[in-house]
Amino acid sequence: MNLIPQTLTKDEQVYLSLEGLFESYGYRKFKMRKFEQYSLYEEYKSFLTSEYVLTFHSPDGKLMALRPDVTLSIVKNTRADETNTDKVFYRENVYRMDRHTKEFREIPQAGVELIGQVDAIATLEIVRMAKESLSLIDEHSILCLSHMGFIEGLLTACNVTSADTRSRVLSCIASQNVHDLRDLLGEAVPSAEWMEDLSDVLSSQGSYTDTLTLARKIAVNGQMNEALNELETIGKSLADLDMADGIRLDFTMQNDLSYYNGVLMQGYVEKYPGILLTGGRYDRLLTKFHKNLSAVGFALSLGDLNSCYPNRPDDDADVLLLYSAGVSAEKVLAKAESLRREGKRVRLATAAPRQFTAQTVIDLREEGSLC
């Protein structure tokens, strides 16, 4: 039975459901301040989604910043070490500039981070939690996976070494611009057939298995094959758990190579117009913090859910169940309980209250009456 109040906004309902999910996996809640010293964000500015950060001076003269990112704060303060893996979840607001309005927004965010020792089971756990999180928001959801190891292996296969060329190649991959990609790579590609197969991989709209099969055709080194092996294991495991529906492979998806090194995730739900979930493995960020650890996680942006998923009708209850002294208590309570098990809000009364609305009125005062 769903005990989450339906009068809550969509993002509040979602977070309560997510909190229960994350706790069921043994993750602890991580709390933090709304601000950090600006130096943290200045040092890792390229990790942020926007270069703009809201700052202010504290009374002691330190330059502080309203938090534009949660992961950096968690990595900085994690309990993890070589013998202890830290599993945390959070609900925090971040402060970022809207790319369209150029105004700062306060964005509710929820997510999980696993820091310490990341193996195949830990990665699968995070991917599974990401899929379940999307399903809690909308049963019609898609989780797309990619792998930075596969992308790096592709760059190695084509002998792309300079930072500028890497950036341009990655841009072409992200936009599926095969024409410019062919010009950039020139004669460095393994073969003309390989280039055609790459085009098929980037434009694939097939199933997880179909896209994986296409990707195998262009895997010409150990790095690419290792990445595909990991993705294949994840796909098979999700299928065994009956969770393969809504899982896709998309190798146009990528992230900063200086931070990310493994599985990547992006999640979508039917009524939300953009990317709702982002995540992946980011061992290289830990290296920049001088921590010899691994990490994987994801975040969900909950800020626009309320406009995409309006509240239920503004009634006081779904059902008003009227009864009289002549009706047995067992019958009244059993009827109310059966309705609540359907997820309905039920109010019992002997007469209709003033200024009270309900979608349905069931009158047990006259047997079988429904109005």
Protein backbone atom coordinates (compact mmCIF):
# COMPACT_ATOMS: atom_id res chain seq x y z
CA MET A 1 0.00 0.00 0.00
CA ASN A 2 1.30 3.43 -0.93
CA LEU A 3 1.53 5.51 2.27
CA ILE A 4 3.18 8.55 0.66
CA PRO A 5 0.78 11.52 0.94
CA GLN A 6 -0.62 12.36 -2.49
CA THR A 7 -0.95 16.02 -1.53
CA LEU A 8 2.84 16.31 -1.71
CA THR A 9 4.34 17.71 -4.89
CA LYS A 10 5.80 15.24 -7.38
CA ASP A 11 9.42 15.94 -6.39
CA GLU A 12 8.58 15.44 -2.70
CA GLN A 13 6.77 12.16 -3.42
CA VAL A 14 9.70 10.98 -5.56
CA TYR A 15 12.28 11.79 -2.94
CA LEU A 16 10.43 9.89 -0.20
CA SER A 17 10.29 6.87 -2.52
CA LEU A 18 13.96 7.25 -3.45
CA GLU A 19 15.00 7.54 0.18
CA GLY A 20 13.33 4.21 0.91
CA LEU A 21 15.02 2.64 -2.12
CA PHE A 22 18.48 3.91 -1.23
CA GLU A 23 18.17 2.85 2.40
CA SER A 24 17.07 -0.63 1.29
CA TYR A 25 20.47 -0.98 -0.42
CA GLY A 26 22.30 -0.04 2.78
CA TYR A 27 23.24 3.53 1.86
CA ARG A 28 23.44 6.18 4.58
CA LYS A 29 22.15 9.72 4.26
CA PHE A 30 24.86 12.33 3.71
CA LYS A 31 24.21 15.88 4.95
CA MET A 32 26.30 18.88 4.05
CA ARG A 33 26.31 22.64 4.22
CA LYS A 34 24.82 24.73 1.43
CA PHE A 35 28.21 26.30 0.79
CA GLU A 36 31.91 25.46 0.57
CA GLN A 37 35.04 27.51 0.18
CA TYR A 38 35.20 28.77 -3.39
CA SER A 39 38.68 27.30 -3.82
CA LEU A 40 37.14 23.79 -4.06
CA TYR A 41 35.09 24.75 -7.11
CA GLU A 42 37.81 26.90 -8.61
CA GLU A 43 40.25 23.97 -8.58
CA TYR A 44 37.77 21.58 -10.18
CA LYS A 45 35.88 24.04 -12.36
CA SER A 46 36.09 21.81 -15.43
CA PHE A 47 34.14 19.13 -13.52
CA LEU A 48 31.17 21.48 -13.11
CA THR A 49 28.34 21.80 -15.62
CA SER A 50 28.73 25.59 -15.61
CA GLU A 51 31.68 27.87 -15.00
CA TYR A 52 29.52 30.35 -13.08
CA VAL A 53 29.41 30.01 -9.29
CA LEU A 54 27.56 32.18 -6.77
CA THR A 55 30.07 33.53 -4.22
CA PHE A 56 30.08 35.64 -1.06
CA HIS A 57 32.58 36.64 1.63
CA SER A 58 32.26 35.19 5.12
CA PRO A 59 32.83 37.48 8.16
CA ASP A 60 36.40 36.21 8.43
CA GLY A 61 37.11 37.22 4.84
CA LYS A 62 37.01 33.77 3.20
CA LEU A 63 35.49 33.56 -0.25
CA MET A 64 32.61 31.09 -0.04
CA ALA A 65 30.34 29.64 -2.73
CA LEU A 66 26.81 28.35 -2.79
CA ARG A 67 27.12 24.73 -3.79
CA PRO A 68 26.90 24.14 -7.59
CA ASP A 69 27.71 20.42 -7.23
CA VAL A 70 27.26 17.71 -4.60
CA THR A 71 29.78 15.09 -5.72
CA LEU A 72 32.80 17.32 -5.04
CA SER A 73 31.66 17.89 -1.45
CA ILE A 74 31.10 14.17 -0.89
CA VAL A 75 34.48 13.22 -2.34
CA LYS A 76 36.16 15.85 -0.20
CA ASN A 77 34.51 14.60 3.01
CA THR A 78 34.12 10.86 2.37
CA ARG A 79 34.87 8.27 5.06
CA ALA A 80 36.20 5.89 2.42
CA ASP A 81 39.75 4.57 2.45
CA GLU A 82 41.58 1.49 1.17
CA THR A 83 39.74 -0.75 3.65
CA ASN A 84 36.36 0.98 3.87
CA THR A 85 33.85 1.65 1.08
CA ASP A 86 31.49 4.56 1.67
CA LYS A 87 27.92 4.26 0.35
CA VAL A 88 25.88 7.44 0.70
CA PHE A 89 22.75 9.07 -0.67
CA TYR A 90 21.64 12.67 -0.48
CA ARG A 91 18.93 15.19 -1.14
CA GLU A 92 20.38 18.64 -1.57
CA ASN A 93 19.81 21.79 -3.57
CA VAL A 94 22.43 22.98 -6.03
CA TYR A 95 22.73 26.48 -7.44
CA ARG A 96 23.41 26.74 -11.15
CA MET A 97 22.94 29.19 -13.96
CA ASP A 98 20.21 28.32 -16.43
CA ARG A 99 21.77 28.11 -19.90
CA HIS A 100 18.71 29.71 -21.49
CA THR A 101 17.64 32.46 -19.06
CA LYS A 102 21.17 33.14 -17.74
CA GLU A 103 19.70 33.35 -14.25
CA PHE A 104 20.74 31.25 -11.25
CA ARG A 105 18.32 28.53 -10.16
CA GLU A 106 17.99 26.51 -6.97
CA ILE A 107 17.64 22.90 -8.18
CA PRO A 108 16.58 20.01 -5.92
CA GLN A 109 18.81 17.01 -6.54
CA ALA A 110 18.96 13.46 -5.18
CA GLY A 111 21.56 10.81 -5.80
CA VAL A 112 23.94 8.14 -4.57
CA GLU A 113 27.71 7.80 -4.47
CA LEU A 114 29.74 4.64 -3.89
CA ILE A 115 33.37 5.48 -3.02
CA GLY A 116 36.12 3.01 -2.16
CA GLN A 117 36.48 -0.32 -3.93
CA VAL A 118 34.34 -0.60 -7.07
CA ASP A 119 34.04 -4.06 -8.60
CA ALA A 120 31.59 -5.59 -11.11
CA ILE A 121 28.92 -6.20 -8.46
CA ALA A 122 29.17 -2.65 -7.12
CA THR A 123 28.82 -1.23 -10.64
CA LEU A 124 25.80 -3.42 -11.33
CA GLU A 125 24.25 -2.32 -8.04
CA ILE A 126 24.52 1.33 -9.05
CA VAL A 127 23.11 0.68 -12.53
CA ARG A 128 20.24 -1.29 -11.04
CA MET A 129 19.49 1.49 -8.53
CA ALA A 130 19.53 4.02 -11.37
CA LYS A 131 16.96 1.98 -13.32
CA GLU A 132 14.77 1.50 -10.25
CA SER A 133 14.98 5.22 -9.46
CA LEU A 134 13.67 6.13 -12.91
CA SER A 135 10.86 3.57 -12.58
CA LEU A 136 9.77 5.16 -9.30
CA ILE A 137 9.24 8.42 -11.17
CA ASP A 138 7.56 6.99 -14.26
CA GLU A 139 7.00 3.41 -15.40
CA HIS A 140 7.88 4.60 -18.90
CA SER A 141 11.61 5.23 -18.56
CA ILE A 142 14.86 4.63 -20.45
CA LEU A 143 18.35 4.22 -19.02
CA CYS A 144 21.14 4.68 -21.57
CA LEU A 145 24.60 3.24 -20.92
CA SER A 146 27.98 3.94 -22.48
CA HIS A 147 31.60 3.35 -21.46
CA MET A 148 34.50 5.77 -21.44
CA GLY A 149 36.93 2.85 -21.85
CA PHE A 150 35.36 2.09 -25.22
CA ILE A 151 35.66 5.75 -26.28
CA GLU A 152 39.28 5.94 -25.12
CA GLY A 153 40.07 2.72 -26.94
CA LEU A 154 38.54 4.16 -30.10
CA LEU A 155 40.77 7.24 -29.83
CA THR A 156 43.80 4.99 -29.35
CA ALA A 157 42.82 2.86 -32.36
CA CYS A 158 42.76 5.99 -34.52
CA ASN A 159 46.00 7.36 -33.03
CA VAL A 160 44.30 10.51 -31.73
CA THR A 161 46.73 12.00 -29.23
CA SER A 162 46.52 15.80 -29.21
CA ALA A 163 44.03 17.40 -26.82
CA ASP A 164 42.56 19.60 -29.53
CA THR A 165 41.96 16.73 -31.94
CA ARG A 166 40.51 14.59 -29.15
CA SER A 167 38.05 17.34 -28.31
CA ARG A 168 36.98 17.70 -31.93
CA VAL A 169 36.66 13.94 -32.43
CA LEU A 170 34.57 13.57 -29.28
CA SER A 171 32.35 16.43 -30.43
CA CYS A 172 31.75 14.67 -33.76
CA ILE A 173 30.94 11.41 -31.98
CA ALA A 174 28.46 13.15 -29.67
CA SER A 175 26.68 14.79 -32.61
CA GLN A 176 26.93 11.71 -34.88
CA ASN A 177 28.74 13.90 -37.41
CA VAL A 178 30.35 11.08 -39.36
CA HIS A 179 31.33 13.31 -42.31
CA ASP A 180 33.55 15.61 -40.23
CA LEU A 181 34.74 12.66 -38.14
CA ARG A 182 35.98 10.92 -41.29
CA ASP A 183 37.87 14.06 -42.33
CA LEU A 184 39.43 14.44 -38.86
CA LEU A 185 40.61 10.85 -38.64
CA GLY A 186 41.77 10.67 -42.27
CA GLU A 187 43.98 7.68 -42.95
CA ALA A 188 44.35 6.89 -39.24
CA VAL A 189 41.21 4.72 -39.25
CA PRO A 190 41.90 0.96 -39.32
CA SER A 191 39.98 0.56 -42.61
CA ALA A 192 37.18 2.03 -44.72
CA GLU A 193 34.91 -0.81 -43.59
CA TRP A 194 35.72 -0.02 -39.97
CA MET A 195 34.62 3.59 -40.53
CA GLU A 196 31.31 2.42 -41.96
CA ASP A 197 30.81 0.12 -39.00
CA LEU A 198 31.55 3.01 -36.64
CA SER A 199 28.86 5.03 -38.39
CA ASP A 200 26.41 2.19 -37.76
CA VAL A 201 27.35 2.07 -34.07
CA LEU A 202 26.86 5.81 -33.58
CA SER A 203 23.48 5.82 -35.31
CA SER A 204 22.20 2.57 -33.80
CA GLN A 205 18.64 2.69 -32.54
CA GLY A 206 18.45 -1.03 -31.88
CA SER A 207 18.24 -3.04 -28.72
CA TYR A 208 21.03 -3.27 -26.15
CA THR A 209 22.16 -6.57 -27.65
CA ASP A 210 22.00 -5.29 -31.24
CA THR A 211 24.13 -2.23 -30.45
CA LEU A 212 26.61 -4.36 -28.50
CA THR A 213 26.97 -6.68 -31.53
CA LEU A 214 27.65 -3.70 -33.80
CA ALA A 215 30.22 -2.34 -31.35
CA ARG A 216 32.05 -5.69 -31.32
CA LYS A 217 32.76 -5.22 -35.04
CA ILE A 218 34.90 -2.11 -34.40
CA ALA A 219 36.59 -3.29 -31.18
CA VAL A 220 40.20 -3.54 -32.34
CA ASN A 221 42.09 -3.37 -29.05
CA GLY A 222 41.95 -4.67 -25.50
CA GLN A 223 40.57 -1.46 -24.05
CA MET A 224 37.52 -1.51 -26.31
CA ASN A 225 36.89 -5.22 -25.75
CA GLU A 226 37.25 -4.91 -21.98
CA ALA A 227 34.66 -2.12 -21.94
CA LEU A 228 32.25 -4.14 -24.09
CA ASN A 229 32.73 -7.18 -21.85
CA GLU A 230 31.70 -5.12 -18.84
CA LEU A 231 28.65 -3.77 -20.67
CA GLU A 232 27.72 -7.27 -21.79
CA THR A 233 27.91 -8.54 -18.21
CA ILE A 234 25.69 -5.68 -17.02
CA GLY A 235 23.18 -6.36 -19.80
CA LYS A 236 22.98 -10.08 -19.02
CA SER A 237 22.66 -9.44 -15.29
CA LEU A 238 19.81 -6.97 -15.81
CA ALA A 239 18.08 -9.48 -18.10
CA ASP A 240 18.41 -12.17 -15.40
CA LEU A 241 16.79 -9.72 -12.96
CA ASP A 242 13.98 -9.07 -15.45
CA MET A 243 15.11 -5.43 -15.71
CA ALA A 244 16.34 -5.32 -19.32
CA ASP A 245 13.28 -3.44 -20.59
CA GLY A 246 14.14 0.21 -21.18
CA ILE A 247 17.93 -0.30 -21.15
CA ARG A 248 19.83 1.06 -24.17
CA LEU A 249 23.43 1.44 -25.33
CA ASP A 250 24.42 4.81 -26.75
CA PHE A 251 28.09 5.36 -27.57
CA THR A 252 27.51 8.98 -28.56
CA MET A 253 27.19 9.58 -24.82
CA GLN A 254 30.47 10.61 -23.19
CA ASN A 255 31.99 12.77 -20.47
CA ASP A 256 35.26 14.42 -19.51
CA LEU A 257 38.10 11.90 -19.91
CA SER A 258 40.07 13.62 -17.18
CA TYR A 259 37.45 12.56 -14.59
CA TYR A 260 35.45 9.63 -15.98
CA ASN A 261 36.87 6.22 -16.85
CA GLY A 262 34.15 3.57 -16.93
CA VAL A 263 30.41 3.08 -17.28
CA LEU A 264 28.31 6.18 -18.04
CA MET A 265 24.57 6.60 -17.50
CA GLN A 266 21.83 8.95 -18.66
CA GLY A 267 18.20 8.47 -17.72
CA TYR A 268 14.94 9.67 -19.20
CA VAL A 269 11.25 9.44 -18.29
CA GLU A 270 8.28 9.93 -20.59
CA LYS A 271 6.97 13.32 -19.45
CA TYR A 272 10.28 15.01 -18.64
CA PRO A 273 11.74 16.85 -21.67
CA GLY A 274 15.45 16.45 -20.92
CA ILE A 275 18.02 14.27 -19.19
CA LEU A 276 16.75 13.46 -15.71
CA LEU A 277 19.56 11.20 -14.48
CA THR A 278 23.31 11.44 -15.05
CA GLY A 279 26.11 9.36 -13.62
CA GLY A 280 29.00 7.03 -14.10
CA ARG A 281 32.37 5.92 -12.81
CA TYR A 282 34.76 8.71 -11.94
CA ASP A 283 37.96 7.23 -10.46
CA ARG A 284 40.06 10.02 -11.97
CA LEU A 285 38.32 12.66 -9.87
CA LEU A 286 39.44 10.74 -6.77
CA THR A 287 42.99 10.72 -8.14
CA LYS A 288 42.89 14.51 -8.37
CA PHE A 289 41.96 14.55 -4.67
CA HIS A 290 45.03 12.34 -4.05
CA LYS A 291 42.81 9.44 -2.99
CA ASN A 292 43.75 5.99 -4.27
CA LEU A 293 40.10 4.95 -4.53
CA SER A 294 37.39 4.26 -7.09
CA ALA A 295 33.93 5.80 -7.31
CA VAL A 296 30.64 5.45 -9.15
CA GLY A 297 27.27 7.15 -8.68
CA PHE A 298 24.42 9.08 -10.20
CA ALA A 299 22.27 12.15 -9.60
CA LEU A 300 18.65 12.93 -10.41
CA SER A 301 17.52 16.48 -11.12
CA LEU A 302 14.10 16.88 -9.50
CA GLY A 303 13.57 20.60 -10.09
CA ASP A 304 11.14 20.49 -13.03
CA LEU A 305 9.17 17.38 -12.10
CA ASN A 306 6.28 19.34 -10.64
CA SER A 307 5.48 21.07 -13.93
CA CYS A 308 5.81 17.81 -15.90
CA TYR A 309 3.80 15.76 -13.42
CA PRO A 310 1.06 17.99 -11.98
CA ASN A 311 -0.50 17.05 -8.66
CA ARG A 312 -3.60 14.96 -8.53
CA PRO A 313 -6.93 16.92 -8.65
CA ASP A 314 -7.23 19.28 -5.71
CA ASP A 315 -9.83 17.20 -3.89
CA ASP A 316 -9.77 16.52 -0.19
CA ALA A 317 -10.05 12.79 -0.87
CA ASP A 318 -10.55 10.38 -3.74
CA VAL A 319 -13.48 8.67 -2.09
CA LEU A 320 -16.01 9.83 0.49
CA LEU A 321 -17.47 6.72 2.10
CA LEU A 322 -20.76 7.42 3.86
CA TYR A 323 -22.19 5.01 6.42
CA SER A 324 -24.96 4.84 8.99
CA ALA A 325 -25.41 3.18 12.33
CA GLY A 326 -27.18 0.31 10.64
CA VAL A 327 -24.13 -0.79 8.63
CA SER A 328 -21.66 -3.15 10.30
CA ALA A 329 -18.31 -1.67 11.26
CA GLU A 330 -16.52 -4.62 9.67
CA LYS A 331 -18.16 -3.95 6.30
CA VAL A 332 -17.35 -0.22 6.37
CA LEU A 333 -13.74 -0.71 7.41
CA ALA A 334 -13.19 -3.55 4.94
CA LYS A 335 -14.52 -1.41 2.08
CA ALA A 336 -12.29 1.50 3.08
CA GLU A 337 -9.25 -0.74 3.37
CA SER A 338 -9.82 -2.27 -0.08
CA LEU A 339 -9.96 1.23 -1.60
CA ARG A 340 -6.80 2.32 0.21
CA ARG A 341 -4.99 -0.74 -1.13
CA GLU A 342 -5.79 0.64 -4.58
CA GLY A 343 -3.90 3.79 -3.61
CA LYS A 344 -7.01 5.91 -2.98
CA ARG A 345 -7.50 8.47 -0.23
CA VAL A 346 -10.64 7.54 1.68
CA ARG A 347 -12.60 9.56 4.23
CA LEU A 348 -15.31 7.94 6.38
CA ALA A 349 -18.29 10.04 7.44
CA THR A 350 -21.94 9.71 8.42
CA ALA A 351 -22.80 12.77 6.32
CA ALA A 352 -21.04 14.81 3.66
CA PRO A 353 -18.88 17.48 5.37
CA ARG A 354 -19.34 21.10 4.30
CA GLN A 355 -16.71 22.50 1.88
CA PHE A 356 -15.35 19.02 1.21
CA THR A 357 -14.72 17.54 -2.22
CA ALA A 358 -14.11 13.99 -3.39
CA GLN A 359 -13.89 12.43 -6.82
CA THR A 360 -16.29 9.64 -5.80
CA VAL A 361 -18.96 9.28 -3.12
CA ILE A 362 -19.95 5.78 -2.02
CA ASP A 363 -23.05 5.73 0.13
CA LEU A 364 -23.35 2.62 2.27
CA ARG A 365 -26.34 4.07 4.06
CA GLU A 366 -28.44 2.68 1.23
CA GLU A 367 -27.12 -0.68 0.14
CA GLY A 368 -25.49 -0.56 -3.31
CA SER A 369 -26.02 3.18 -3.80
CA LEU A 370 -23.29 5.05 -5.74
CA CYS A 371 -23.46 8.74 -6.64
